[in-house]
Every structure is written in structure tokens, then in C-alpha cells.
Amino acid sequence: MDSNTSEILKSIENTKKIIAKLQIDDGFLPAEYAILDYQNDQLKEVILNGNPL
């Protein structure tokens, strides 16, 4: 894994940590943040395992 890929994965994890802090009572996440969290998961999957389709 090259350094750019490592930096992207680190950035995704940092973004997910920030999103987790935005949760409202009982883990509810506003839709915009939930979508961003999902997109981050998808991007990480593509980086690690190639195209998921």
C-alpha cells in the first residue's frame, strides 16, 4: 500500500470519528451525516478490495 492510499484511509477513519461525535441521543445520526458515513465506508471498501460490484 503506497503512502497516498494510507493517508486516504487515515483520513476516512478520522472523518468517521468526527461523524460519530455528531450523533444525537441514542446514536441517531442526521441523514446528511449518515450518508457521508456510508460513502466513507464504500470508499474504504473500494480502496481495500477493489470495485465492490
Protein backbone atom coordinates (compact mmCIF):
# COMPACT_ATOMS: atom_id res chain seq x y z
CA MET A 1 0.00 0.00 0.00
CA ASP A 2 1.51 3.32 -1.00
CA SER A 3 1.66 6.38 1.24
CA ASN A 4 -1.19 8.15 -0.60
CA THR A 5 -3.51 5.20 0.00
CA SER A 6 -2.51 5.08 3.66
CA GLU A 7 -3.24 8.80 4.01
CA ILE A 8 -6.66 8.40 2.37
CA LEU A 9 -7.57 5.53 4.71
CA LYS A 10 -6.39 7.54 7.72
CA SER A 11 -8.50 10.49 6.56
CA ILE A 12 -11.56 8.23 6.19
CA GLU A 13 -11.11 6.95 9.76
CA ASN A 14 -10.70 10.49 11.09
CA THR A 15 -13.86 11.58 9.27
CA LYS A 16 -15.77 8.62 10.73
CA LYS A 17 -14.61 9.62 14.24
CA ILE A 18 -15.85 13.17 13.69
CA ILE A 19 -19.19 11.92 12.34
CA ALA A 20 -19.59 9.68 15.40
CA LYS A 21 -19.29 12.76 17.62
CA LEU A 22 -22.20 14.38 15.75
CA GLN A 23 -24.67 11.71 16.83
CA ILE A 24 -27.76 12.89 18.62
CA ASP A 25 -29.38 10.99 21.52
CA ASP A 26 -29.27 7.18 21.31
CA GLY A 27 -26.94 7.09 18.34
CA PHE A 28 -29.27 8.89 15.93
CA LEU A 29 -27.30 10.44 13.09
CA PRO A 30 -28.84 13.19 10.91
CA ALA A 31 -29.35 11.99 7.33
CA GLU A 32 -26.58 14.11 5.81
CA TYR A 33 -24.01 12.66 8.19
CA ALA A 34 -25.34 9.13 7.81
CA ILE A 35 -24.93 9.43 4.02
CA LEU A 36 -21.38 10.74 4.42
CA ASP A 37 -20.58 7.89 6.80
CA TYR A 38 -21.95 5.35 4.30
CA GLN A 39 -19.97 6.91 1.45
CA ASN A 40 -16.81 6.73 3.54
CA ASP A 41 -17.46 3.03 4.17
CA GLN A 42 -17.94 2.45 0.44
CA LEU A 43 -14.77 4.36 -0.46
CA LYS A 44 -12.77 2.38 2.08
CA GLU A 45 -14.16 -0.88 0.66
CA VAL A 46 -13.17 0.08 -2.88
CA ILE A 47 -9.67 1.10 -1.78
CA LEU A 48 -9.09 -2.11 0.15
CA ASN A 49 -10.87 -4.64 -2.07
CA GLY A 50 -11.37 -3.08 -5.48
CA ASN A 51 -14.71 -2.43 -7.13
CA PRO A 52 -17.49 -3.91 -4.94
CA LEU A 53 -19.79 -4.57 -7.91
